[in-house]
Every structure is written in structure tokens, then in C-alpha cells.
Amino acid sequence: MNTSSQQPFWFIIANPAAGNGRVGRLWPHIEQLLQELGFSYTIQFTQHRGHAMRLVDDAVLKGHRHILGLGGDGTNHELVNGIMTQTHTLSTDIHYALLPIGTGNDWARTYQIPHDPKTRLQQLLLGKTVLQDVGKVRYQIDGRVDERYFANVAGMAYDAFLVKKLDRHRLVSHLQYLLMVGRYLFEYRLLPARLRYEGIAIEDFFYTINIGICPYSGGGMRLVPHAVPDDGLLAVTFARRLAKWEVLWQTPRFYNGTILDHPRIEGFQTQRLVVEHMGDTPTLVEADGEFLGETPAEFSVLEKVLRVA
């Protein structure tokens, strides 16, 4: 970890809709704390999906090197992509911090980032940072190739199917999320796909495929318990064909880190993974809870490129 005694000027990017509007409601309290603790800052509120990425680019262009996000995993995803896609400085020159105010806050779990605004802001005054890996995925969307970065977990098959379905819902609790997981499970149809890595090919019908930089997703699930954020590797978990009742029966394993003990669920680590569909129907892709597109998809890892404050 690095420490700095000189307090920086923070460019704050806040998503007022995050946490079902909780960011907007908390901002007067957070603003008071920033002033009481002696922070120097400016703030911009996002206005639409994708806006945070542009705000990061504008901020870095103007010389800002300390970015503080107020929001959840979706906001975090956009801010990290903004840092990784800007071309004005090295990504490691930017100190990135998140005050987690979302529904899942899964990325923050890895670092045990406090949800209490005062505790989190006091933590930032210490100036400590760590370097984290970032994943990159190339995928298909509307007949063209696109790419996106992810700081936490990417998912395919049922995970991406679920994310696409949930985009139409306003989730207000973890219980509601679990209910949706069960509801859409019975609509999902397993599709054949091929995984390729390090000269190995695995062909099967997959219930889920997860690619992790960090271990938590889905509101505390540990679908990639072997993920280490700074080891230069992607942690991959895949589940072969499972009966739907079996998926529900195994739900405790999703949370307690024993998912890889199931005989039809396997995991490995690699620097690069290619996923291809084998039939006419592509396999869907999401990253950090954001629906992206479909196969063919190629995943890679960039080692220690995100400076987390």
C-alpha cells in the first residue's frame, strides 16, 4: 500500500438513481461530511446510462487524478471503464475510490469498503491505495464487435439471461433478487457452448459460466471463490447441465464458497478464455451486472492497472 500526507482534490461522480435513489437522498449529508472533514472537491451528477464514463474522461482531460464514485456496482462498472478507456494518462496515475451506495455493492465487499459515509471518507484521508487487475471482454452486439472492461465478475449463459431480464425491474431488496433468480430459472433453456483456454477445449451445455477478477457478485454470492484481484489471472467457474430443482437446492453453495465442491461445477484460472456458441443461438454475456451482448466472446486480464483508494 502507498500513503500520501497531502490531501488531494477529488472529482466526485454521483449517480443519484443508485440504490433506488438513495444517493440523491444522502447527498446533503455526504456534502456536510466532506466539508467537516476538510475535503477539496467538485461534483457532477450522472444524467443517463453511460454518462459516468464520459465524465471520467472529461475530468482526467482537465487534470483530475482522484475520482470518487457515489453509487453501486453499475456506477462502479462505468467509472472503471471510464478510467480504462481514457487516453490522457496511465490508468495507474488515477486514484479511484467508491462510496458504495447500491443494491448489491459486491465489488466493495472484496475490499471491505464501509457503507457508512463518514467511515469511508475518513478512510480516504489516509491516502492508502492498492493495485487491482481488470478484465477485458470482446463480444458481439447487433452484428458488430465491441469490448468492455470489468472490475468484478462477468457472467454468461443463465447469468447474462437473468441480467437482461432484470433490466426491466426495479429491485429494492436482496430477497426480491433471489425471487427473480428462481422465477426466470424456469424460463431459461440451456445452450451448447465451447470454452477454449491454454490449448484445452470444453464442449457442453452450460447452466452458467462466470469469469471473475473479484469473488463476489449477485448480492454476496461467491460464484468464483478462487478469484484474487491482483494475481494476473481470470478465475473461471462453469456449471454443466443441472436440473433446475438442483440449482435451487444448491443455493447455499453460492454464498458459502463451496460451489466448486459440486461434481458438475468446475473451476480454473487462466489469462485468456474464449467462449463460442456451438448451435445457431449465441450465449449471452454480461459484466458487473450490465448486459453486454453475446458470443463469440474473448476474455483477457490486464494486471494491476486499477489503483483503488
C-alpha atoms as a PDB file:
ATOM      1  CA  MET A   1       0.000   0.000   0.000  1.00  0.00           C
ATOM      2  CA  ASN A   2       1.040   3.592  -0.641  1.00  0.00           C
ATOM      3  CA  THR A   3       0.218   6.518   1.618  1.00  0.00           C
ATOM      4  CA  SER A   4       0.146  10.242   0.986  1.00  0.00           C
ATOM      5  CA  SER A   5       0.103  13.035   3.605  1.00  0.00           C
ATOM      6  CA  GLN A   6      -1.052  15.721   1.169  1.00  0.00           C
ATOM      7  CA  GLN A   7      -4.814  15.737   0.742  1.00  0.00           C
ATOM      8  CA  PRO A   8      -5.876  15.682  -2.914  1.00  0.00           C
ATOM      9  CA  PHE A   9      -8.660  17.391  -4.826  1.00  0.00           C
ATOM     10  CA  TRP A  10     -11.411  14.869  -5.535  1.00  0.00           C
ATOM     11  CA  PHE A  11     -13.603  14.815  -8.620  1.00  0.00           C
ATOM     12  CA  ILE A  12     -16.843  13.226  -7.392  1.00  0.00           C
ATOM     13  CA  ILE A  13     -19.205  11.473  -9.793  1.00  0.00           C
ATOM     14  CA  ALA A  14     -22.545  10.590  -8.236  1.00  0.00           C
ATOM     15  CA  ASN A  15     -25.370   8.515  -9.655  1.00  0.00           C
ATOM     16  CA  PRO A  16     -28.493   9.977  -7.997  1.00  0.00           C
ATOM     17  CA  ALA A  17     -30.575   6.955  -9.024  1.00  0.00           C
ATOM     18  CA  ALA A  18     -28.254   4.368  -7.413  1.00  0.00           C
ATOM     19  CA  GLY A  19     -29.636   2.395  -4.511  1.00  0.00           C
ATOM     20  CA  ASN A  20     -33.171   3.235  -5.662  1.00  0.00           C
ATOM     21  CA  GLY A  21     -32.484   6.948  -5.233  1.00  0.00           C
ATOM     22  CA  ARG A  22     -30.501   6.625  -2.008  1.00  0.00           C
ATOM     23  CA  VAL A  23     -27.520   8.548  -3.404  1.00  0.00           C
ATOM     24  CA  GLY A  24     -29.719  11.547  -4.104  1.00  0.00           C
ATOM     25  CA  ARG A  25     -31.254  11.385  -0.647  1.00  0.00           C
ATOM     26  CA  LEU A  26     -27.881  11.013   1.103  1.00  0.00           C
ATOM     27  CA  TRP A  27     -26.015  13.708  -0.812  1.00  0.00           C
ATOM     28  CA  PRO A  28     -26.803  16.610   1.605  1.00  0.00           C
ATOM     29  CA  HIS A  29     -25.408  14.505   4.474  1.00  0.00           C
ATOM     30  CA  ILE A  30     -22.351  13.456   2.462  1.00  0.00           C
ATOM     31  CA  GLU A  31     -21.718  17.051   1.404  1.00  0.00           C
ATOM     32  CA  GLN A  32     -21.752  18.140   5.038  1.00  0.00           C
ATOM     33  CA  LEU A  33     -19.278  15.393   5.952  1.00  0.00           C
ATOM     34  CA  LEU A  34     -16.942  16.356   3.096  1.00  0.00           C
ATOM     35  CA  GLN A  35     -16.834  19.909   4.379  1.00  0.00           C
ATOM     36  CA  GLU A  36     -16.408  18.882   8.020  1.00  0.00           C
ATOM     37  CA  LEU A  37     -13.518  16.544   7.142  1.00  0.00           C
ATOM     38  CA  GLY A  38     -11.769  19.177   5.031  1.00  0.00           C
ATOM     39  CA  PHE A  39     -12.130  17.594   1.588  1.00  0.00           C
ATOM     40  CA  SER A  40     -11.459  19.662  -1.513  1.00  0.00           C
ATOM     41  CA  TYR A  41     -13.778  18.518  -4.272  1.00  0.00           C
ATOM     42  CA  THR A  42     -16.153  19.195  -7.110  1.00  0.00           C
ATOM     43  CA  ILE A  43     -19.144  17.055  -8.041  1.00  0.00           C
ATOM     44  CA  GLN A  44     -21.041  16.012 -11.141  1.00  0.00           C
ATOM     45  CA  PHE A  45     -24.279  14.007 -11.133  1.00  0.00           C
ATOM     46  CA  THR A  46     -24.855  11.452 -13.867  1.00  0.00           C
ATOM     47  CA  GLN A  47     -27.897  12.003 -16.063  1.00  0.00           C
ATOM     48  CA  HIS A  48     -28.182   8.743 -18.002  1.00  0.00           C
ATOM     49  CA  ARG A  49     -26.591   5.351 -18.519  1.00  0.00           C
ATOM     50  CA  GLY A  50     -23.053   5.706 -19.806  1.00  0.00           C
ATOM     51  CA  HIS A  51     -22.706   9.300 -18.604  1.00  0.00           C
ATOM     52  CA  ALA A  52     -20.210   8.394 -15.866  1.00  0.00           C
ATOM     53  CA  MET A  53     -17.708   7.137 -18.450  1.00  0.00           C
ATOM     54  CA  ARG A  54     -17.748  10.486 -20.264  1.00  0.00           C
ATOM     55  CA  LEU A  55     -17.469  12.402 -17.002  1.00  0.00           C
ATOM     56  CA  VAL A  56     -14.331  10.445 -16.099  1.00  0.00           C
ATOM     57  CA  ASP A  57     -12.774  11.208 -19.481  1.00  0.00           C
ATOM     58  CA  ASP A  58     -13.552  14.926 -19.126  1.00  0.00           C
ATOM     59  CA  ALA A  59     -12.196  15.001 -15.576  1.00  0.00           C
ATOM     60  CA  VAL A  60      -8.914  13.298 -16.458  1.00  0.00           C
ATOM     61  CA  LEU A  61      -8.506  15.541 -19.521  1.00  0.00           C
ATOM     62  CA  LYS A  62      -8.762  18.558 -17.185  1.00  0.00           C
ATOM     63  CA  GLY A  63      -6.036  17.181 -14.926  1.00  0.00           C
ATOM     64  CA  HIS A  64      -8.008  15.446 -12.181  1.00  0.00           C
ATOM     65  CA  ARG A  65      -6.293  12.338 -10.830  1.00  0.00           C
ATOM     66  CA  HIS A  66      -8.559  11.451  -7.882  1.00  0.00           C
ATOM     67  CA  ILE A  67     -12.011  10.115  -8.773  1.00  0.00           C
ATOM     68  CA  LEU A  68     -14.637   9.301  -6.134  1.00  0.00           C
ATOM     69  CA  GLY A  69     -17.792   7.498  -7.197  1.00  0.00           C
ATOM     70  CA  LEU A  70     -21.076   7.561  -5.283  1.00  0.00           C
ATOM     71  CA  GLY A  71     -23.193   4.605  -6.355  1.00  0.00           C
ATOM     72  CA  GLY A  72     -23.393   0.851  -6.696  1.00  0.00           C
ATOM     73  CA  ASP A  73     -21.917  -1.846  -8.907  1.00  0.00           C
ATOM     74  CA  GLY A  74     -23.356  -0.345 -12.092  1.00  0.00           C
ATOM     75  CA  THR A  75     -21.803   3.028 -11.328  1.00  0.00           C
ATOM     76  CA  ASN A  76     -18.539   1.307 -10.436  1.00  0.00           C
ATOM     77  CA  HIS A  77     -18.586  -0.514 -13.786  1.00  0.00           C
ATOM     78  CA  GLU A  78     -18.961   2.735 -15.725  1.00  0.00           C
ATOM     79  CA  LEU A  79     -16.302   4.575 -13.726  1.00  0.00           C
ATOM     80  CA  VAL A  80     -13.757   1.785 -14.188  1.00  0.00           C
ATOM     81  CA  ASN A  81     -14.491   1.734 -17.912  1.00  0.00           C
ATOM     82  CA  GLY A  82     -14.015   5.488 -17.991  1.00  0.00           C
ATOM     83  CA  ILE A  83     -10.612   5.129 -16.343  1.00  0.00           C
ATOM     84  CA  MET A  84      -9.555   2.291 -18.643  1.00  0.00           C
ATOM     85  CA  THR A  85     -10.707   3.895 -21.899  1.00  0.00           C
ATOM     86  CA  GLN A  86      -9.389   7.437 -21.330  1.00  0.00           C
ATOM     87  CA  THR A  87      -6.154   8.145 -23.183  1.00  0.00           C
ATOM     88  CA  HIS A  88      -4.864  11.177 -21.279  1.00  0.00           C
ATOM     89  CA  THR A  89      -2.707   9.411 -18.686  1.00  0.00           C
ATOM     90  CA  LEU A  90      -1.803   5.968 -17.377  1.00  0.00           C
ATOM     91  CA  SER A  91      -4.701   4.301 -15.609  1.00  0.00           C
ATOM     92  CA  THR A  92      -2.493   3.774 -12.544  1.00  0.00           C
ATOM     93  CA  ASP A  93      -1.986   7.552 -12.262  1.00  0.00           C
ATOM     94  CA  ILE A  94      -5.665   7.805 -11.296  1.00  0.00           C
ATOM     95  CA  HIS A  95      -6.692   7.150  -7.702  1.00  0.00           C
ATOM     96  CA  TYR A  96     -10.149   5.609  -7.802  1.00  0.00           C
ATOM     97  CA  ALA A  97     -12.462   5.322  -4.815  1.00  0.00           C
ATOM     98  CA  LEU A  98     -16.071   4.244  -4.400  1.00  0.00           C
ATOM     99  CA  LEU A  99     -18.548   5.064  -1.655  1.00  0.00           C
ATOM    100  CA  PRO A 100     -20.850   2.041  -2.095  1.00  0.00           C
ATOM    101  CA  ILE A 101     -24.495   3.102  -2.126  1.00  0.00           C
ATOM    102  CA  GLY A 102     -26.101   0.495  -4.342  1.00  0.00           C
ATOM    103  CA  THR A 103     -28.296  -2.585  -4.127  1.00  0.00           C
ATOM    104  CA  GLY A 104     -25.606  -5.279  -4.246  1.00  0.00           C
ATOM    105  CA  ASN A 105     -22.305  -3.472  -3.567  1.00  0.00           C
ATOM    106  CA  ASP A 106     -20.434  -6.643  -4.495  1.00  0.00           C
ATOM    107  CA  TRP A 107     -17.158  -5.095  -5.672  1.00  0.00           C
ATOM    108  CA  ALA A 108     -16.890  -3.212  -2.371  1.00  0.00           C
ATOM    109  CA  ARG A 109     -17.176  -6.488  -0.418  1.00  0.00           C
ATOM    110  CA  THR A 110     -13.782  -7.612  -1.673  1.00  0.00           C
ATOM    111  CA  TYR A 111     -12.093  -4.636  -0.009  1.00  0.00           C
ATOM    112  CA  GLN A 112     -14.497  -4.472   2.936  1.00  0.00           C
ATOM    113  CA  ILE A 113     -15.240  -0.883   1.975  1.00  0.00           C
ATOM    114  CA  PRO A 114     -17.527   0.597   4.642  1.00  0.00           C
ATOM    115  CA  HIS A 115     -21.006   1.704   3.588  1.00  0.00           C
ATOM    116  CA  ASP A 116     -21.133   4.392   6.262  1.00  0.00           C
ATOM    117  CA  PRO A 117     -20.193   7.661   4.501  1.00  0.00           C
ATOM    118  CA  LYS A 118     -18.227   9.136   7.421  1.00  0.00           C
ATOM    119  CA  THR A 119     -16.191   5.966   7.984  1.00  0.00           C
ATOM    120  CA  ARG A 120     -15.434   5.663   4.267  1.00  0.00           C
ATOM    121  CA  LEU A 121     -14.407   9.307   3.892  1.00  0.00           C
ATOM    122  CA  GLN A 122     -12.161   9.091   6.955  1.00  0.00           C
ATOM    123  CA  GLN A 123     -10.571   6.043   5.353  1.00  0.00           C
ATOM    124  CA  LEU A 124      -9.800   8.037   2.205  1.00  0.00           C
ATOM    125  CA  LEU A 125      -7.951  10.658   4.274  1.00  0.00           C
ATOM    126  CA  LEU A 126      -5.276   8.023   4.973  1.00  0.00           C
ATOM    127  CA  GLY A 127      -4.297   8.016   1.284  1.00  0.00           C
ATOM    128  CA  LYS A 128      -3.780   4.250   1.053  1.00  0.00           C
ATOM    129  CA  THR A 129      -4.062   2.511  -2.327  1.00  0.00           C
ATOM    130  CA  VAL A 130      -3.789  -0.974  -3.806  1.00  0.00           C
ATOM    131  CA  LEU A 131      -3.459  -2.070  -7.421  1.00  0.00           C
ATOM    132  CA  GLN A 132      -6.089  -4.370  -8.910  1.00  0.00           C
ATOM    133  CA  ASP A 133      -6.353  -6.353 -12.136  1.00  0.00           C
ATOM    134  CA  VAL A 134      -9.067  -5.522 -14.659  1.00  0.00           C
ATOM    135  CA  GLY A 135     -10.789  -7.921 -17.025  1.00  0.00           C
ATOM    136  CA  LYS A 136     -11.488  -7.177 -20.661  1.00  0.00           C
ATOM    137  CA  VAL A 137     -14.109  -8.841 -22.837  1.00  0.00           C
ATOM    138  CA  ARG A 138     -14.650  -8.640 -26.604  1.00  0.00           C
ATOM    139  CA  TYR A 139     -18.127  -9.721 -27.678  1.00  0.00           C
ATOM    140  CA  GLN A 140     -20.772  -9.373 -30.381  1.00  0.00           C
ATOM    141  CA  ILE A 141     -23.653  -6.898 -30.247  1.00  0.00           C
ATOM    142  CA  ASP A 142     -26.010  -6.106 -33.142  1.00  0.00           C
ATOM    143  CA  GLY A 143     -23.690  -7.790 -35.623  1.00  0.00           C
ATOM    144  CA  ARG A 144     -20.550  -5.883 -34.635  1.00  0.00           C
ATOM    145  CA  VAL A 145     -17.634  -6.480 -32.288  1.00  0.00           C
ATOM    146  CA  ASP A 146     -17.451  -4.386 -29.124  1.00  0.00           C
ATOM    147  CA  GLU A 147     -15.372  -4.530 -25.966  1.00  0.00           C
ATOM    148  CA  ARG A 148     -15.766  -3.634 -22.305  1.00  0.00           C
ATOM    149  CA  TYR A 149     -13.710  -3.737 -19.137  1.00  0.00           C
ATOM    150  CA  PHE A 150     -14.886  -5.250 -15.875  1.00  0.00           C
ATOM    151  CA  ALA A 151     -13.549  -4.891 -12.339  1.00  0.00           C
ATOM    152  CA  ASN A 152     -15.564  -7.637 -10.687  1.00  0.00           C
ATOM    153  CA  VAL A 153     -17.320 -10.605 -12.341  1.00  0.00           C
ATOM    154  CA  ALA A 154     -18.565 -11.304 -15.864  1.00  0.00           C
ATOM    155  CA  GLY A 155     -21.263 -13.894 -16.408  1.00  0.00           C
ATOM    156  CA  MET A 156     -22.599 -15.925 -19.297  1.00  0.00           C
ATOM    157  CA  ALA A 157     -25.485 -18.294 -20.029  1.00  0.00           C
ATOM    158  CA  TYR A 158     -28.124 -18.037 -17.274  1.00  0.00           C
ATOM    159  CA  ASP A 159     -26.318 -15.179 -15.501  1.00  0.00           C
ATOM    160  CA  ALA A 160     -26.496 -12.937 -18.562  1.00  0.00           C
ATOM    161  CA  PHE A 161     -30.025 -14.124 -19.365  1.00  0.00           C
ATOM    162  CA  LEU A 162     -31.051 -13.069 -15.850  1.00  0.00           C
ATOM    163  CA  VAL A 163     -29.316  -9.680 -16.074  1.00  0.00           C
ATOM    164  CA  LYS A 164     -31.095  -8.970 -19.347  1.00  0.00           C
ATOM    165  CA  LYS A 165     -34.446  -9.880 -17.773  1.00  0.00           C
ATOM    166  CA  LEU A 166     -33.820  -7.844 -14.615  1.00  0.00           C
ATOM    167  CA  ASP A 167     -33.080  -4.713 -16.633  1.00  0.00           C
ATOM    168  CA  ARG A 168     -36.851  -4.154 -16.770  1.00  0.00           C
ATOM    169  CA  HIS A 169     -37.283  -4.426 -12.981  1.00  0.00           C
ATOM    170  CA  ARG A 170     -36.520  -2.021 -10.171  1.00  0.00           C
ATOM    171  CA  LEU A 171     -35.036  -4.241  -7.482  1.00  0.00           C
ATOM    172  CA  VAL A 172     -35.416  -2.931  -3.946  1.00  0.00           C
ATOM    173  CA  SER A 173     -34.092  -5.824  -1.850  1.00  0.00           C
ATOM    174  CA  HIS A 174     -31.887  -8.886  -1.872  1.00  0.00           C
ATOM    175  CA  LEU A 175     -34.944 -11.070  -1.288  1.00  0.00           C
ATOM    176  CA  GLN A 176     -36.590  -9.696  -4.412  1.00  0.00           C
ATOM    177  CA  TYR A 177     -33.427 -10.528  -6.372  1.00  0.00           C
ATOM    178  CA  LEU A 178     -33.499 -14.132  -5.159  1.00  0.00           C
ATOM    179  CA  LEU A 179     -37.165 -14.433  -6.096  1.00  0.00           C
ATOM    180  CA  MET A 180     -36.343 -13.240  -9.603  1.00  0.00           C
ATOM    181  CA  VAL A 181     -33.478 -15.750  -9.819  1.00  0.00           C
ATOM    182  CA  GLY A 182     -35.964 -18.544  -9.139  1.00  0.00           C
ATOM    183  CA  ARG A 183     -38.657 -17.139 -11.395  1.00  0.00           C
ATOM    184  CA  TYR A 184     -36.527 -16.762 -14.517  1.00  0.00           C
ATOM    185  CA  LEU A 185     -34.666 -20.013 -13.922  1.00  0.00           C
ATOM    186  CA  PHE A 186     -37.660 -21.929 -15.268  1.00  0.00           C
ATOM    187  CA  GLU A 187     -37.725 -19.804 -18.450  1.00  0.00           C
ATOM    188  CA  TYR A 188     -34.078 -20.429 -19.278  1.00  0.00           C
ATOM    189  CA  ARG A 189     -33.086 -23.022 -21.869  1.00  0.00           C
ATOM    190  CA  LEU A 190     -29.546 -24.410 -21.715  1.00  0.00           C
ATOM    191  CA  LEU A 191     -27.483 -23.959 -24.874  1.00  0.00           C
ATOM    192  CA  PRO A 192     -24.325 -25.705 -26.097  1.00  0.00           C
ATOM    193  CA  ALA A 193     -21.069 -23.763 -25.994  1.00  0.00           C
ATOM    194  CA  ARG A 194     -17.337 -24.295 -26.219  1.00  0.00           C
ATOM    195  CA  LEU A 195     -14.740 -22.982 -23.751  1.00  0.00           C
ATOM    196  CA  ARG A 196     -11.176 -22.662 -25.027  1.00  0.00           C
ATOM    197  CA  TYR A 197      -8.139 -21.837 -22.874  1.00  0.00           C
ATOM    198  CA  GLU A 198      -4.458 -22.829 -22.842  1.00  0.00           C
ATOM    199  CA  GLY A 199      -4.926 -25.468 -25.539  1.00  0.00           C
ATOM    200  CA  ILE A 200      -7.916 -27.042 -23.782  1.00  0.00           C
ATOM    201  CA  ALA A 201     -11.455 -27.156 -25.220  1.00  0.00           C
ATOM    202  CA  ILE A 202     -14.562 -27.996 -23.193  1.00  0.00           C
ATOM    203  CA  GLU A 203     -17.857 -28.534 -25.011  1.00  0.00           C
ATOM    204  CA  ASP A 204     -21.138 -28.962 -23.155  1.00  0.00           C
ATOM    205  CA  PHE A 205     -24.497 -27.471 -22.267  1.00  0.00           C
ATOM    206  CA  PHE A 206     -23.695 -24.874 -19.603  1.00  0.00           C
ATOM    207  CA  TYR A 207     -26.030 -23.583 -16.949  1.00  0.00           C
ATOM    208  CA  THR A 208     -23.624 -20.793 -16.090  1.00  0.00           C
ATOM    209  CA  ILE A 209     -20.124 -19.530 -16.867  1.00  0.00           C
ATOM    210  CA  ASN A 210     -18.528 -16.944 -14.585  1.00  0.00           C
ATOM    211  CA  ILE A 211     -15.260 -15.082 -15.114  1.00  0.00           C
ATOM    212  CA  GLY A 212     -14.009 -13.248 -12.047  1.00  0.00           C
ATOM    213  CA  ILE A 213     -11.440 -10.691 -11.051  1.00  0.00           C
ATOM    214  CA  CYS A 214     -13.011 -10.440  -7.583  1.00  0.00           C
ATOM    215  CA  PRO A 215     -15.053 -13.164  -5.833  1.00  0.00           C
ATOM    216  CA  TYR A 216     -18.453 -11.597  -5.043  1.00  0.00           C
ATOM    217  CA  SER A 217     -21.476 -10.999  -7.269  1.00  0.00           C
ATOM    218  CA  GLY A 218     -25.267 -11.218  -7.135  1.00  0.00           C
ATOM    219  CA  GLY A 219     -25.548  -9.627  -3.697  1.00  0.00           C
ATOM    220  CA  GLY A 220     -22.906 -11.640  -1.880  1.00  0.00           C
ATOM    221  CA  MET A 221     -22.735 -14.825  -3.958  1.00  0.00           C
ATOM    222  CA  ARG A 222     -19.275 -16.372  -4.351  1.00  0.00           C
ATOM    223  CA  LEU A 223     -19.552 -17.944  -7.783  1.00  0.00           C
ATOM    224  CA  VAL A 224     -15.803 -17.524  -8.335  1.00  0.00           C
ATOM    225  CA  PRO A 225     -14.433 -18.149  -4.823  1.00  0.00           C
ATOM    226  CA  HIS A 226     -10.950 -18.684  -6.244  1.00  0.00           C
ATOM    227  CA  ALA A 227     -10.752 -15.137  -7.660  1.00  0.00           C
ATOM    228  CA  VAL A 228      -7.839 -13.000  -6.438  1.00  0.00           C
ATOM    229  CA  PRO A 229      -7.976  -9.347  -7.536  1.00  0.00           C
ATOM    230  CA  ASP A 230      -4.236  -8.895  -8.126  1.00  0.00           C
ATOM    231  CA  ASP A 231      -2.857 -12.274  -9.273  1.00  0.00           C
ATOM    232  CA  GLY A 232      -2.936 -11.583 -13.017  1.00  0.00           C
ATOM    233  CA  LEU A 233      -5.443 -14.376 -13.656  1.00  0.00           C
ATOM    234  CA  LEU A 234      -9.108 -14.776 -14.502  1.00  0.00           C
ATOM    235  CA  ALA A 235     -10.974 -17.123 -12.169  1.00  0.00           C
ATOM    236  CA  VAL A 236     -13.446 -19.194 -14.197  1.00  0.00           C
ATOM    237  CA  THR A 237     -16.338 -21.267 -12.856  1.00  0.00           C
ATOM    238  CA  PHE A 238     -18.657 -23.263 -15.109  1.00  0.00           C
ATOM    239  CA  ALA A 239     -21.661 -25.420 -14.338  1.00  0.00           C
ATOM    240  CA  ARG A 240     -22.615 -28.175 -16.735  1.00  0.00           C
ATOM    241  CA  ARG A 241     -26.203 -29.295 -17.285  1.00  0.00           C
ATOM    242  CA  LEU A 242     -28.106 -29.263 -13.974  1.00  0.00           C
ATOM    243  CA  ALA A 243     -31.727 -29.972 -13.166  1.00  0.00           C
ATOM    244  CA  LYS A 244     -33.489 -26.759 -12.201  1.00  0.00           C
ATOM    245  CA  TRP A 245     -34.506 -28.163  -8.819  1.00  0.00           C
ATOM    246  CA  GLU A 246     -30.838 -28.992  -8.243  1.00  0.00           C
ATOM    247  CA  VAL A 247     -29.857 -25.375  -8.909  1.00  0.00           C
ATOM    248  CA  LEU A 248     -32.319 -24.192  -6.248  1.00  0.00           C
ATOM    249  CA  TRP A 249     -31.213 -26.930  -3.834  1.00  0.00           C
ATOM    250  CA  GLN A 250     -27.585 -25.851  -4.170  1.00  0.00           C
ATOM    251  CA  THR A 251     -28.281 -22.154  -3.473  1.00  0.00           C
ATOM    252  CA  PRO A 252     -26.370 -22.190  -0.129  1.00  0.00           C
ATOM    253  CA  ARG A 253     -23.203 -23.137  -2.027  1.00  0.00           C
ATOM    254  CA  PHE A 254     -23.491 -19.887  -3.995  1.00  0.00           C
ATOM    255  CA  TYR A 255     -22.820 -17.970  -0.778  1.00  0.00           C
ATOM    256  CA  ASN A 256     -20.568 -20.138   1.388  1.00  0.00           C
ATOM    257  CA  GLY A 257     -17.687 -20.568  -1.059  1.00  0.00           C
ATOM    258  CA  THR A 258     -18.182 -24.323  -1.624  1.00  0.00           C
ATOM    259  CA  ILE A 259     -19.660 -24.119  -5.132  1.00  0.00           C
ATOM    260  CA  LEU A 260     -16.633 -25.881  -6.654  1.00  0.00           C
ATOM    261  CA  ASP A 261     -17.247 -28.906  -4.425  1.00  0.00           C
ATOM    262  CA  HIS A 262     -20.292 -29.837  -6.528  1.00  0.00           C
ATOM    263  CA  PRO A 263     -19.427 -32.632  -9.002  1.00  0.00           C
ATOM    264  CA  ARG A 264     -20.898 -30.824 -12.023  1.00  0.00           C
ATOM    265  CA  ILE A 265     -19.363 -27.442 -11.248  1.00  0.00           C
ATOM    266  CA  GLU A 266     -15.703 -26.854 -12.079  1.00  0.00           C
ATOM    267  CA  GLY A 267     -13.228 -24.015 -11.894  1.00  0.00           C
ATOM    268  CA  PHE A 268      -9.818 -22.992 -13.157  1.00  0.00           C
ATOM    269  CA  GLN A 269      -7.635 -19.925 -13.611  1.00  0.00           C
ATOM    270  CA  THR A 270      -6.282 -18.577 -16.869  1.00  0.00           C
ATOM    271  CA  GLN A 271      -5.101 -15.385 -18.544  1.00  0.00           C
ATOM    272  CA  ARG A 272      -7.335 -15.803 -21.580  1.00  0.00           C
ATOM    273  CA  LEU A 273     -10.646 -17.515 -22.281  1.00  0.00           C
ATOM    274  CA  VAL A 274     -12.649 -17.817 -25.490  1.00  0.00           C
ATOM    275  CA  VAL A 275     -16.327 -18.827 -25.398  1.00  0.00           C
ATOM    276  CA  GLU A 276     -18.126 -19.780 -28.608  1.00  0.00           C
ATOM    277  CA  HIS A 277     -21.669 -20.982 -29.200  1.00  0.00           C
ATOM    278  CA  MET A 278     -21.967 -24.309 -30.987  1.00  0.00           C
ATOM    279  CA  GLY A 279     -25.508 -24.113 -32.335  1.00  0.00           C
ATOM    280  CA  ASP A 280     -27.426 -21.336 -34.025  1.00  0.00           C
ATOM    281  CA  THR A 281     -28.230 -19.488 -30.791  1.00  0.00           C
ATOM    282  CA  PRO A 282     -25.466 -17.389 -29.176  1.00  0.00           C
ATOM    283  CA  THR A 283     -24.652 -17.497 -25.481  1.00  0.00           C
ATOM    284  CA  LEU A 284     -25.356 -14.178 -23.724  1.00  0.00           C
ATOM    285  CA  VAL A 285     -22.698 -12.060 -21.965  1.00  0.00           C
ATOM    286  CA  GLU A 286     -22.862  -9.644 -19.020  1.00  0.00           C
ATOM    287  CA  ALA A 287     -20.188  -7.942 -16.923  1.00  0.00           C
ATOM    288  CA  ASP A 288     -20.502  -6.429 -13.452  1.00  0.00           C
ATOM    289  CA  GLY A 289     -24.267  -6.855 -13.722  1.00  0.00           C
ATOM    290  CA  GLU A 290     -24.527  -4.942 -17.019  1.00  0.00           C
ATOM    291  CA  PHE A 291     -25.859  -6.783 -20.065  1.00  0.00           C
ATOM    292  CA  LEU A 292     -23.417  -6.530 -22.988  1.00  0.00           C
ATOM    293  CA  GLY A 293     -24.183  -8.874 -25.868  1.00  0.00           C
ATOM    294  CA  GLU A 294     -23.375 -12.405 -26.985  1.00  0.00           C
ATOM    295  CA  THR A 295     -20.775 -14.893 -28.189  1.00  0.00           C
ATOM    296  CA  PRO A 296     -18.248 -15.305 -29.596  1.00  0.00           C
ATOM    297  CA  ALA A 297     -16.574 -13.706 -26.580  1.00  0.00           C
ATOM    298  CA  GLU A 298     -12.915 -13.397 -25.629  1.00  0.00           C
ATOM    299  CA  PHE A 299     -11.827 -12.614 -22.071  1.00  0.00           C
ATOM    300  CA  SER A 300      -8.387 -11.394 -21.030  1.00  0.00           C
ATOM    301  CA  VAL A 301      -6.822  -9.810 -17.959  1.00  0.00           C
ATOM    302  CA  LEU A 302      -4.769  -6.642 -17.511  1.00  0.00           C
ATOM    303  CA  GLU A 303      -2.560  -6.981 -14.453  1.00  0.00           C
ATOM    304  CA  LYS A 304      -2.580  -4.300 -11.713  1.00  0.00           C
ATOM    305  CA  VAL A 305      -3.911  -1.465 -13.862  1.00  0.00           C
ATOM    306  CA  LEU A 306      -6.546  -0.021 -11.478  1.00  0.00           C
ATOM    307  CA  ARG A 307      -5.379   1.985  -8.452  1.00  0.00           C
ATOM    308  CA  VAL A 308      -8.024   1.540  -5.755  1.00  0.00           C
ATOM    309  CA  ALA A 309      -8.130   4.030  -2.899  1.00  0.00           C
END
